[in-house]
Amino acid sequence: MTGDRSYREELIQKAQVLHEALPYIRAFYGKVVVIKYGGHAMVDEALKESFARDVVLLKYIGLNPVVVHGGGPQINRMLERMQIQSTFVDGMRVTDGATMDVVEMVLGGKVNKEIVNLIQLHGGRAVGLTGKDGGLIRAKKLYMERRRGDDLPPEIVDIGAVGEVEAINPQVIEALDRGGFIPVIAPVGTGAQGETFNINADLVAGRIAGALKAEKLVLLTDVEGILDPDGRLISTLRAADAPELIESGVIRGGMIPKVRCALDALEDGVGKVHIVDGRARHAVLLEIFTRGGVGTEIVR
């Protein structure tokens, strides 16, 4: 009898979870959610399975998820196997012709199709794309600047086939959404002369979210979120307060480009941006469908 009661209580708790999610499901029904998928969540097998199931769930309850993925560790492994030396300038990979071939092969081929396959194994219908498909991402060459001192102009550094987004044509994504498909996008774009460019996945996700006027942009990371000076999670950050936190060093290192990406996305019309720890199972669902969330939301 006691066992029956505890089992019934467990079922009631599950029902309560659904009740808590109901207002959010209603509010976001039919809305676009762009998810940048990367970091540990793309490497750990259990997390990969969990992420795929969560994306399928989003689609089945009426949201329109769009996945933009990275693949740095996978690219590194393939370059090592092919004995191609990697060189970095201020954290950016110098991408010559041979390296770009590997980047495109890994991102647009192996990684992209693995994500598509996982989503489909769990009942979703996914389509893999790169920025070349349907003219999705028009890019231009990115030149880096290095400071050389207060009295000298910055040094311009050519890092090869690394690009930045010039424009997004969202028609192919919108067509897939209407057809019930989940777009899975590799961050490779095309230049005006047909050149191929490797682009930072966070920046691509932000620009795609802006072009789609997404309700949410979710950036999966390998940290809890944005932390205050005492190491506590900042649950909500107003966009207007972010520059001061960057200037004071509270937001630093690899979090700076993510926050700048978030601010640009909000400027382009995205409803909210969430920086979430992808190492936690169901992080995307917990951030979207619970009152407190699990990461940092950045709001206008």
C-alpha atoms as a PDB file:
ATOM      1  CA  MET A   1       0.000   0.000   0.000  1.00  0.00           C
ATOM      2  CA  THR A   2       2.829   2.363   0.902  1.00  0.00           C
ATOM      3  CA  GLY A   3       4.466   1.595  -2.446  1.00  0.00           C
ATOM      4  CA  ASP A   4       1.237   2.439  -4.287  1.00  0.00           C
ATOM      5  CA  ARG A   5       0.997   5.756  -2.424  1.00  0.00           C
ATOM      6  CA  SER A   6       4.604   6.742  -3.225  1.00  0.00           C
ATOM      7  CA  TYR A   7       4.092   5.827  -6.875  1.00  0.00           C
ATOM      8  CA  ARG A   8       0.919   7.940  -6.978  1.00  0.00           C
ATOM      9  CA  GLU A   9       2.797  10.860  -5.404  1.00  0.00           C
ATOM     10  CA  GLU A  10       5.476  10.524  -8.080  1.00  0.00           C
ATOM     11  CA  LEU A  11       2.820  10.711 -10.799  1.00  0.00           C
ATOM     12  CA  ILE A  12       1.249  13.773  -9.149  1.00  0.00           C
ATOM     13  CA  GLN A  13       4.635  15.509  -9.109  1.00  0.00           C
ATOM     14  CA  LYS A  14       5.021  14.809 -12.823  1.00  0.00           C
ATOM     15  CA  ALA A  15       1.577  16.292 -13.467  1.00  0.00           C
ATOM     16  CA  GLN A  16       2.550  19.376 -11.451  1.00  0.00           C
ATOM     17  CA  VAL A  17       5.614  19.837 -13.661  1.00  0.00           C
ATOM     18  CA  LEU A  18       3.346  19.867 -16.722  1.00  0.00           C
ATOM     19  CA  HIS A  19       1.033  22.375 -15.030  1.00  0.00           C
ATOM     20  CA  GLU A  20       3.979  24.675 -14.298  1.00  0.00           C
ATOM     21  CA  ALA A  21       5.043  24.508 -17.941  1.00  0.00           C
ATOM     22  CA  LEU A  22       1.553  25.187 -19.340  1.00  0.00           C
ATOM     23  CA  PRO A  23       1.665  29.033 -19.238  1.00  0.00           C
ATOM     24  CA  TYR A  24       5.016  29.010 -21.033  1.00  0.00           C
ATOM     25  CA  ILE A  25       3.844  26.503 -23.640  1.00  0.00           C
ATOM     26  CA  ARG A  26       0.831  28.712 -24.304  1.00  0.00           C
ATOM     27  CA  ALA A  27       2.928  31.896 -24.464  1.00  0.00           C
ATOM     28  CA  PHE A  28       5.549  30.468 -26.838  1.00  0.00           C
ATOM     29  CA  TYR A  29       3.271  28.362 -29.050  1.00  0.00           C
ATOM     30  CA  GLY A  30       4.170  28.950 -32.701  1.00  0.00           C
ATOM     31  CA  LYS A  31       7.222  31.057 -31.791  1.00  0.00           C
ATOM     32  CA  VAL A  32      10.790  30.539 -33.034  1.00  0.00           C
ATOM     33  CA  VAL A  33      13.539  29.477 -30.610  1.00  0.00           C
ATOM     34  CA  VAL A  34      17.101  29.534 -31.967  1.00  0.00           C
ATOM     35  CA  ILE A  35      19.513  27.292 -30.048  1.00  0.00           C
ATOM     36  CA  LYS A  36      23.267  27.521 -30.431  1.00  0.00           C
ATOM     37  CA  TYR A  37      24.487  24.005 -29.726  1.00  0.00           C
ATOM     38  CA  GLY A  38      28.112  23.540 -28.736  1.00  0.00           C
ATOM     39  CA  GLY A  39      30.606  22.758 -25.999  1.00  0.00           C
ATOM     40  CA  HIS A  40      30.351  19.710 -23.733  1.00  0.00           C
ATOM     41  CA  ALA A  41      26.738  19.076 -24.778  1.00  0.00           C
ATOM     42  CA  MET A  42      28.044  18.070 -28.229  1.00  0.00           C
ATOM     43  CA  VAL A  43      30.639  15.626 -26.884  1.00  0.00           C
ATOM     44  CA  ASP A  44      29.009  13.734 -23.994  1.00  0.00           C
ATOM     45  CA  GLU A  45      26.866  10.886 -25.371  1.00  0.00           C
ATOM     46  CA  ALA A  46      24.135  11.148 -22.728  1.00  0.00           C
ATOM     47  CA  LEU A  47      23.871  14.915 -23.221  1.00  0.00           C
ATOM     48  CA  LYS A  48      23.693  14.500 -27.012  1.00  0.00           C
ATOM     49  CA  GLU A  49      20.741  12.129 -26.644  1.00  0.00           C
ATOM     50  CA  SER A  50      19.066  14.422 -24.103  1.00  0.00           C
ATOM     51  CA  PHE A  51      19.488  17.483 -26.335  1.00  0.00           C
ATOM     52  CA  ALA A  52      17.976  15.717 -29.354  1.00  0.00           C
ATOM     53  CA  ARG A  53      14.940  14.579 -27.338  1.00  0.00           C
ATOM     54  CA  ASP A  54      14.439  18.088 -25.949  1.00  0.00           C
ATOM     55  CA  VAL A  55      14.502  19.650 -29.422  1.00  0.00           C
ATOM     56  CA  VAL A  56      11.934  17.122 -30.648  1.00  0.00           C
ATOM     57  CA  LEU A  57       9.738  17.882 -27.628  1.00  0.00           C
ATOM     58  CA  LEU A  58       9.865  21.616 -28.405  1.00  0.00           C
ATOM     59  CA  LYS A  59       8.622  20.925 -31.927  1.00  0.00           C
ATOM     60  CA  TYR A  60       5.816  18.612 -30.796  1.00  0.00           C
ATOM     61  CA  ILE A  61       4.417  21.109 -28.283  1.00  0.00           C
ATOM     62  CA  GLY A  62       4.198  23.821 -30.905  1.00  0.00           C
ATOM     63  CA  LEU A  63       7.458  25.786 -30.845  1.00  0.00           C
ATOM     64  CA  ASN A  64       9.735  26.104 -33.882  1.00  0.00           C
ATOM     65  CA  PRO A  65      13.298  25.230 -32.809  1.00  0.00           C
ATOM     66  CA  VAL A  66      16.221  26.153 -35.075  1.00  0.00           C
ATOM     67  CA  VAL A  67      19.598  24.608 -34.185  1.00  0.00           C
ATOM     68  CA  VAL A  68      22.916  26.282 -35.056  1.00  0.00           C
ATOM     69  CA  HIS A  69      25.932  24.191 -34.099  1.00  0.00           C
ATOM     70  CA  GLY A  70      29.664  24.546 -33.698  1.00  0.00           C
ATOM     71  CA  GLY A  71      32.262  21.782 -33.857  1.00  0.00           C
ATOM     72  CA  GLY A  72      35.687  23.037 -32.765  1.00  0.00           C
ATOM     73  CA  PRO A  73      36.827  19.831 -30.973  1.00  0.00           C
ATOM     74  CA  GLN A  74      35.716  17.667 -33.901  1.00  0.00           C
ATOM     75  CA  ILE A  75      37.593  19.923 -36.346  1.00  0.00           C
ATOM     76  CA  ASN A  76      40.716  19.738 -34.165  1.00  0.00           C
ATOM     77  CA  ARG A  77      40.619  15.940 -34.114  1.00  0.00           C
ATOM     78  CA  MET A  78      40.228  15.686 -37.885  1.00  0.00           C
ATOM     79  CA  LEU A  79      43.065  18.157 -38.543  1.00  0.00           C
ATOM     80  CA  GLU A  80      45.318  16.145 -36.243  1.00  0.00           C
ATOM     81  CA  ARG A  81      44.434  12.905 -38.038  1.00  0.00           C
ATOM     82  CA  MET A  82      45.232  14.547 -41.383  1.00  0.00           C
ATOM     83  CA  GLN A  83      48.443  16.045 -39.917  1.00  0.00           C
ATOM     84  CA  ILE A  84      47.400  19.614 -40.731  1.00  0.00           C
ATOM     85  CA  GLN A  85      48.927  22.096 -38.298  1.00  0.00           C
ATOM     86  CA  SER A  86      46.523  24.494 -36.526  1.00  0.00           C
ATOM     87  CA  THR A  87      47.585  28.078 -35.874  1.00  0.00           C
ATOM     88  CA  PHE A  88      45.604  30.538 -33.769  1.00  0.00           C
ATOM     89  CA  VAL A  89      45.662  34.331 -33.534  1.00  0.00           C
ATOM     90  CA  ASP A  90      43.993  35.687 -30.386  1.00  0.00           C
ATOM     91  CA  GLY A  91      41.905  32.523 -30.160  1.00  0.00           C
ATOM     92  CA  MET A  92      40.830  32.568 -33.829  1.00  0.00           C
ATOM     93  CA  ARG A  93      41.882  29.686 -36.080  1.00  0.00           C
ATOM     94  CA  VAL A  94      43.968  30.729 -39.100  1.00  0.00           C
ATOM     95  CA  THR A  95      42.056  29.018 -41.906  1.00  0.00           C
ATOM     96  CA  ASP A  96      43.978  28.325 -45.104  1.00  0.00           C
ATOM     97  CA  GLY A  97      42.546  26.360 -48.045  1.00  0.00           C
ATOM     98  CA  ALA A  98      43.352  22.902 -46.660  1.00  0.00           C
ATOM     99  CA  THR A  99      41.974  23.801 -43.231  1.00  0.00           C
ATOM    100  CA  MET A 100      38.791  25.235 -44.756  1.00  0.00           C
ATOM    101  CA  ASP A 101      38.210  21.999 -46.646  1.00  0.00           C
ATOM    102  CA  VAL A 102      38.367  20.094 -43.353  1.00  0.00           C
ATOM    103  CA  VAL A 103      36.164  22.645 -41.550  1.00  0.00           C
ATOM    104  CA  GLU A 104      33.475  22.391 -44.205  1.00  0.00           C
ATOM    105  CA  MET A 105      33.693  18.599 -44.315  1.00  0.00           C
ATOM    106  CA  VAL A 106      33.389  18.250 -40.530  1.00  0.00           C
ATOM    107  CA  LEU A 107      30.781  20.958 -39.871  1.00  0.00           C
ATOM    108  CA  GLY A 108      28.579  20.508 -42.929  1.00  0.00           C
ATOM    109  CA  GLY A 109      29.059  16.751 -43.101  1.00  0.00           C
ATOM    110  CA  LYS A 110      29.912  14.656 -40.067  1.00  0.00           C
ATOM    111  CA  VAL A 111      28.713  16.902 -37.216  1.00  0.00           C
ATOM    112  CA  ASN A 112      25.644  18.280 -38.976  1.00  0.00           C
ATOM    113  CA  LYS A 113      24.391  14.884 -40.097  1.00  0.00           C
ATOM    114  CA  GLU A 114      25.005  13.325 -36.689  1.00  0.00           C
ATOM    115  CA  ILE A 115      22.732  15.935 -35.088  1.00  0.00           C
ATOM    116  CA  VAL A 116      20.107  15.454 -37.804  1.00  0.00           C
ATOM    117  CA  ASN A 117      20.223  11.684 -37.295  1.00  0.00           C
ATOM    118  CA  LEU A 118      19.857  11.931 -33.508  1.00  0.00           C
ATOM    119  CA  ILE A 119      16.827  14.225 -33.803  1.00  0.00           C
ATOM    120  CA  GLN A 120      15.208  11.831 -36.253  1.00  0.00           C
ATOM    121  CA  LEU A 121      15.961   8.792 -34.063  1.00  0.00           C
ATOM    122  CA  HIS A 122      13.873  10.481 -31.363  1.00  0.00           C
ATOM    123  CA  GLY A 123      10.875  11.160 -33.577  1.00  0.00           C
ATOM    124  CA  GLY A 124      11.650  14.555 -35.103  1.00  0.00           C
ATOM    125  CA  ARG A 125      12.065  15.530 -38.740  1.00  0.00           C
ATOM    126  CA  ALA A 126      15.307  17.440 -39.217  1.00  0.00           C
ATOM    127  CA  VAL A 127      17.044  18.917 -42.260  1.00  0.00           C
ATOM    128  CA  GLY A 128      20.761  19.753 -42.237  1.00  0.00           C
ATOM    129  CA  LEU A 129      21.922  22.974 -43.877  1.00  0.00           C
ATOM    130  CA  THR A 130      24.979  25.146 -44.250  1.00  0.00           C
ATOM    131  CA  GLY A 131      24.863  28.832 -45.022  1.00  0.00           C
ATOM    132  CA  LYS A 132      25.351  27.940 -48.683  1.00  0.00           C
ATOM    133  CA  ASP A 133      21.914  26.317 -48.929  1.00  0.00           C
ATOM    134  CA  GLY A 134      19.232  28.644 -50.251  1.00  0.00           C
ATOM    135  CA  GLY A 135      21.614  31.592 -49.947  1.00  0.00           C
ATOM    136  CA  LEU A 136      21.072  31.424 -46.181  1.00  0.00           C
ATOM    137  CA  ILE A 137      24.276  33.157 -45.011  1.00  0.00           C
ATOM    138  CA  ARG A 138      26.075  35.795 -47.064  1.00  0.00           C
ATOM    139  CA  ALA A 139      29.469  36.458 -45.555  1.00  0.00           C
ATOM    140  CA  LYS A 140      32.526  38.626 -46.019  1.00  0.00           C
ATOM    141  CA  LYS A 141      36.134  38.161 -44.996  1.00  0.00           C
ATOM    142  CA  LEU A 142      36.962  38.959 -41.398  1.00  0.00           C
ATOM    143  CA  TYR A 143      40.153  40.899 -40.708  1.00  0.00           C
ATOM    144  CA  MET A 144      41.436  41.008 -37.142  1.00  0.00           C
ATOM    145  CA  GLU A 145      42.963  44.076 -35.544  1.00  0.00           C
ATOM    146  CA  ARG A 146      45.837  43.935 -33.092  1.00  0.00           C
ATOM    147  CA  ARG A 147      46.737  46.905 -30.928  1.00  0.00           C
ATOM    148  CA  ARG A 148      50.367  47.990 -31.285  1.00  0.00           C
ATOM    149  CA  GLY A 149      50.457  50.827 -28.763  1.00  0.00           C
ATOM    150  CA  ASP A 150      48.662  54.087 -28.084  1.00  0.00           C
ATOM    151  CA  ASP A 151      50.518  56.039 -30.776  1.00  0.00           C
ATOM    152  CA  LEU A 152      50.349  53.416 -33.521  1.00  0.00           C
ATOM    153  CA  PRO A 153      47.474  52.330 -35.763  1.00  0.00           C
ATOM    154  CA  PRO A 154      46.285  48.744 -35.174  1.00  0.00           C
ATOM    155  CA  GLU A 155      47.902  45.928 -37.106  1.00  0.00           C
ATOM    156  CA  ILE A 156      45.506  44.272 -39.601  1.00  0.00           C
ATOM    157  CA  VAL A 157      45.857  40.481 -39.477  1.00  0.00           C
ATOM    158  CA  ASP A 158      44.636  38.217 -42.285  1.00  0.00           C
ATOM    159  CA  ILE A 159      43.486  34.899 -40.769  1.00  0.00           C
ATOM    160  CA  GLY A 160      42.376  33.295 -44.024  1.00  0.00           C
ATOM    161  CA  ALA A 161      38.891  31.984 -44.803  1.00  0.00           C
ATOM    162  CA  VAL A 162      37.285  33.244 -41.608  1.00  0.00           C
ATOM    163  CA  GLY A 163      34.217  35.354 -42.212  1.00  0.00           C
ATOM    164  CA  GLU A 164      31.598  37.502 -40.592  1.00  0.00           C
ATOM    165  CA  VAL A 165      27.906  37.588 -41.429  1.00  0.00           C
ATOM    166  CA  GLU A 166      26.921  40.220 -43.950  1.00  0.00           C
ATOM    167  CA  ALA A 167      23.269  39.191 -44.402  1.00  0.00           C
ATOM    168  CA  ILE A 168      20.833  36.391 -43.588  1.00  0.00           C
ATOM    169  CA  ASN A 169      18.160  35.165 -46.005  1.00  0.00           C
ATOM    170  CA  PRO A 170      15.722  33.300 -43.718  1.00  0.00           C
ATOM    171  CA  GLN A 171      13.357  32.010 -46.435  1.00  0.00           C
ATOM    172  CA  VAL A 172      14.687  28.441 -46.443  1.00  0.00           C
ATOM    173  CA  ILE A 173      14.358  28.238 -42.623  1.00  0.00           C
ATOM    174  CA  GLU A 174      10.824  29.625 -42.710  1.00  0.00           C
ATOM    175  CA  ALA A 175       9.848  27.105 -45.393  1.00  0.00           C
ATOM    176  CA  LEU A 176      11.210  24.226 -43.286  1.00  0.00           C
ATOM    177  CA  ASP A 177       9.397  25.497 -40.184  1.00  0.00           C
ATOM    178  CA  ARG A 178       6.109  25.621 -42.074  1.00  0.00           C
ATOM    179  CA  GLY A 179       6.679  22.072 -43.292  1.00  0.00           C
ATOM    180  CA  GLY A 180       7.181  20.741 -39.768  1.00  0.00           C
ATOM    181  CA  PHE A 181      10.946  20.270 -40.115  1.00  0.00           C
ATOM    182  CA  ILE A 182      13.680  21.240 -37.653  1.00  0.00           C
ATOM    183  CA  PRO A 183      16.533  23.145 -39.368  1.00  0.00           C
ATOM    184  CA  VAL A 184      20.051  22.198 -38.229  1.00  0.00           C
ATOM    185  CA  ILE A 185      22.573  24.753 -39.484  1.00  0.00           C
ATOM    186  CA  ALA A 186      26.373  24.605 -39.811  1.00  0.00           C
ATOM    187  CA  PRO A 187      28.055  28.053 -39.588  1.00  0.00           C
ATOM    188  CA  VAL A 188      29.585  28.150 -43.062  1.00  0.00           C
ATOM    189  CA  GLY A 189      28.778  31.091 -45.352  1.00  0.00           C
ATOM    190  CA  THR A 190      29.394  32.212 -48.915  1.00  0.00           C
ATOM    191  CA  GLY A 191      31.056  35.408 -50.122  1.00  0.00           C
ATOM    192  CA  ALA A 192      30.085  37.616 -53.045  1.00  0.00           C
ATOM    193  CA  GLN A 193      32.454  35.736 -55.371  1.00  0.00           C
ATOM    194  CA  GLY A 194      31.397  32.292 -54.155  1.00  0.00           C
ATOM    195  CA  GLU A 195      34.162  31.975 -51.556  1.00  0.00           C
ATOM    196  CA  THR A 196      33.539  29.739 -48.534  1.00  0.00           C
ATOM    197  CA  PHE A 197      33.932  31.205 -45.040  1.00  0.00           C
ATOM    198  CA  ASN A 198      34.035  29.641 -41.590  1.00  0.00           C
ATOM    199  CA  ILE A 199      32.046  31.812 -39.145  1.00  0.00           C
ATOM    200  CA  ASN A 200      31.742  31.823 -35.363  1.00  0.00           C
ATOM    201  CA  ALA A 201      28.618  29.786 -34.479  1.00  0.00           C
ATOM    202  CA  ASP A 202      27.469  32.192 -31.731  1.00  0.00           C
ATOM    203  CA  LEU A 203      27.474  35.077 -34.200  1.00  0.00           C
ATOM    204  CA  VAL A 204      25.592  33.042 -36.812  1.00  0.00           C
ATOM    205  CA  ALA A 205      22.980  31.998 -34.242  1.00  0.00           C
ATOM    206  CA  GLY A 206      22.508  35.606 -33.148  1.00  0.00           C
ATOM    207  CA  ARG A 207      22.078  36.917 -36.687  1.00  0.00           C
ATOM    208  CA  ILE A 208      19.689  34.103 -37.639  1.00  0.00           C
ATOM    209  CA  ALA A 209      17.635  34.750 -34.497  1.00  0.00           C
ATOM    210  CA  GLY A 210      17.457  38.427 -35.409  1.00  0.00           C
ATOM    211  CA  ALA A 211      16.440  37.717 -39.014  1.00  0.00           C
ATOM    212  CA  LEU A 212      13.659  35.387 -37.812  1.00  0.00           C
ATOM    213  CA  LYS A 213      12.601  37.788 -35.011  1.00  0.00           C
ATOM    214  CA  ALA A 214      12.900  34.785 -32.704  1.00  0.00           C
ATOM    215  CA  GLU A 215      11.169  34.769 -29.357  1.00  0.00           C
ATOM    216  CA  LYS A 216      14.319  33.365 -27.761  1.00  0.00           C
ATOM    217  CA  LEU A 217      17.994  32.788 -28.512  1.00  0.00           C
ATOM    218  CA  VAL A 218      19.539  30.119 -26.281  1.00  0.00           C
ATOM    219  CA  LEU A 219      23.356  29.907 -26.158  1.00  0.00           C
ATOM    220  CA  LEU A 220      24.583  26.630 -24.654  1.00  0.00           C
ATOM    221  CA  THR A 221      27.931  27.027 -22.895  1.00  0.00           C
ATOM    222  CA  ASP A 222      30.206  25.088 -20.558  1.00  0.00           C
ATOM    223  CA  VAL A 223      29.611  27.446 -17.622  1.00  0.00           C
ATOM    224  CA  GLU A 224      26.638  28.092 -15.354  1.00  0.00           C
ATOM    225  CA  GLY A 225      25.867  31.478 -16.897  1.00  0.00           C
ATOM    226  CA  ILE A 226      27.037  35.020 -16.100  1.00  0.00           C
ATOM    227  CA  LEU A 227      28.397  35.296 -12.568  1.00  0.00           C
ATOM    228  CA  ASP A 228      28.541  38.382 -10.329  1.00  0.00           C
ATOM    229  CA  PRO A 229      31.782  39.498  -8.568  1.00  0.00           C
ATOM    230  CA  ASP A 230      31.025  37.048  -5.721  1.00  0.00           C
ATOM    231  CA  GLY A 231      30.646  34.113  -8.111  1.00  0.00           C
ATOM    232  CA  ARG A 232      26.845  33.957  -7.837  1.00  0.00           C
ATOM    233  CA  LEU A 233      24.698  33.389 -10.906  1.00  0.00           C
ATOM    234  CA  ILE A 234      23.056  36.498 -12.360  1.00  0.00           C
ATOM    235  CA  SER A 235      19.595  35.182 -13.281  1.00  0.00           C
ATOM    236  CA  THR A 236      18.468  38.284 -15.188  1.00  0.00           C
ATOM    237  CA  LEU A 237      20.671  40.923 -16.790  1.00  0.00           C
ATOM    238  CA  ARG A 238      19.364  44.074 -18.419  1.00  0.00           C
ATOM    239  CA  ALA A 239      21.046  44.828 -21.730  1.00  0.00           C
ATOM    240  CA  ALA A 240      21.771  48.398 -20.583  1.00  0.00           C
ATOM    241  CA  ASP A 241      23.847  47.061 -17.657  1.00  0.00           C
ATOM    242  CA  ALA A 242      26.030  44.712 -19.705  1.00  0.00           C
ATOM    243  CA  PRO A 243      28.630  47.236 -21.014  1.00  0.00           C
ATOM    244  CA  GLU A 244      29.485  48.318 -17.477  1.00  0.00           C
ATOM    245  CA  LEU A 245      29.978  44.695 -16.380  1.00  0.00           C
ATOM    246  CA  ILE A 246      32.301  44.133 -19.362  1.00  0.00           C
ATOM    247  CA  GLU A 247      34.239  47.314 -18.589  1.00  0.00           C
ATOM    248  CA  SER A 248      34.646  46.364 -14.909  1.00  0.00           C
ATOM    249  CA  GLY A 249      35.798  42.833 -15.750  1.00  0.00           C
ATOM    250  CA  VAL A 250      32.810  41.022 -14.214  1.00  0.00           C
ATOM    251  CA  ILE A 251      32.035  39.711 -17.705  1.00  0.00           C
ATOM    252  CA  ARG A 252      35.354  38.563 -19.138  1.00  0.00           C
ATOM    253  CA  GLY A 253      37.143  36.095 -21.393  1.00  0.00           C
ATOM    254  CA  GLY A 254      35.013  33.926 -23.641  1.00  0.00           C
ATOM    255  CA  MET A 255      31.795  35.302 -22.125  1.00  0.00           C
ATOM    256  CA  ILE A 256      32.376  38.737 -23.703  1.00  0.00           C
ATOM    257  CA  PRO A 257      31.675  37.707 -27.323  1.00  0.00           C
ATOM    258  CA  LYS A 258      28.598  35.731 -26.169  1.00  0.00           C
ATOM    259  CA  VAL A 259      27.180  38.764 -24.373  1.00  0.00           C
ATOM    260  CA  ARG A 260      27.933  41.042 -27.333  1.00  0.00           C
ATOM    261  CA  CYS A 261      26.195  38.513 -29.581  1.00  0.00           C
ATOM    262  CA  ALA A 262      23.208  38.617 -27.189  1.00  0.00           C
ATOM    263  CA  LEU A 263      23.073  42.431 -27.243  1.00  0.00           C
ATOM    264  CA  ASP A 264      23.141  42.480 -31.062  1.00  0.00           C
ATOM    265  CA  ALA A 265      20.343  39.891 -31.176  1.00  0.00           C
ATOM    266  CA  LEU A 266      18.162  41.939 -28.829  1.00  0.00           C
ATOM    267  CA  GLU A 267      18.853  45.009 -30.968  1.00  0.00           C
ATOM    268  CA  ASP A 268      17.657  43.026 -34.021  1.00  0.00           C
ATOM    269  CA  GLY A 269      14.324  42.207 -32.355  1.00  0.00           C
ATOM    270  CA  VAL A 270      14.889  38.925 -30.482  1.00  0.00           C
ATOM    271  CA  GLY A 271      12.634  38.685 -27.418  1.00  0.00           C
ATOM    272  CA  LYS A 272      15.151  37.342 -24.882  1.00  0.00           C
ATOM    273  CA  VAL A 273      18.594  35.750 -24.905  1.00  0.00           C
ATOM    274  CA  HIS A 274      19.498  32.939 -22.519  1.00  0.00           C
ATOM    275  CA  ILE A 275      23.058  31.846 -21.671  1.00  0.00           C
ATOM    276  CA  VAL A 276      22.700  28.335 -20.275  1.00  0.00           C
ATOM    277  CA  ASP A 277      24.985  25.590 -18.963  1.00  0.00           C
ATOM    278  CA  GLY A 278      24.786  22.861 -21.604  1.00  0.00           C
ATOM    279  CA  ARG A 279      26.432  20.373 -19.234  1.00  0.00           C
ATOM    280  CA  ALA A 280      23.133  20.084 -17.349  1.00  0.00           C
ATOM    281  CA  ARG A 281      20.579  17.653 -18.766  1.00  0.00           C
ATOM    282  CA  HIS A 282      17.412  19.300 -20.144  1.00  0.00           C
ATOM    283  CA  ALA A 283      18.969  22.752 -19.687  1.00  0.00           C
ATOM    284  CA  VAL A 284      17.016  24.204 -22.619  1.00  0.00           C
ATOM    285  CA  LEU A 285      13.663  22.958 -21.289  1.00  0.00           C
ATOM    286  CA  LEU A 286      14.397  24.108 -17.750  1.00  0.00           C
ATOM    287  CA  GLU A 287      15.343  27.589 -18.921  1.00  0.00           C
ATOM    288  CA  ILE A 288      12.286  28.038 -21.154  1.00  0.00           C
ATOM    289  CA  PHE A 289       9.550  26.291 -19.169  1.00  0.00           C
ATOM    290  CA  THR A 290      10.290  26.992 -15.497  1.00  0.00           C
ATOM    291  CA  ARG A 291       9.792  30.131 -13.465  1.00  0.00           C
ATOM    292  CA  GLY A 292      13.353  30.515 -12.220  1.00  0.00           C
ATOM    293  CA  GLY A 293      15.269  29.072 -15.163  1.00  0.00           C
ATOM    294  CA  VAL A 294      18.771  27.669 -14.821  1.00  0.00           C
ATOM    295  CA  GLY A 295      21.012  30.197 -16.583  1.00  0.00           C
ATOM    296  CA  THR A 296      21.231  33.930 -17.264  1.00  0.00           C
ATOM    297  CA  GLU A 297      18.533  35.663 -19.282  1.00  0.00           C
ATOM    298  CA  ILE A 298      19.466  38.924 -20.993  1.00  0.00           C
ATOM    299  CA  VAL A 299      16.514  41.233 -21.580  1.00  0.00           C
ATOM    300  CA  ARG A 300      15.887  44.610 -23.105  1.00  0.00           C
END
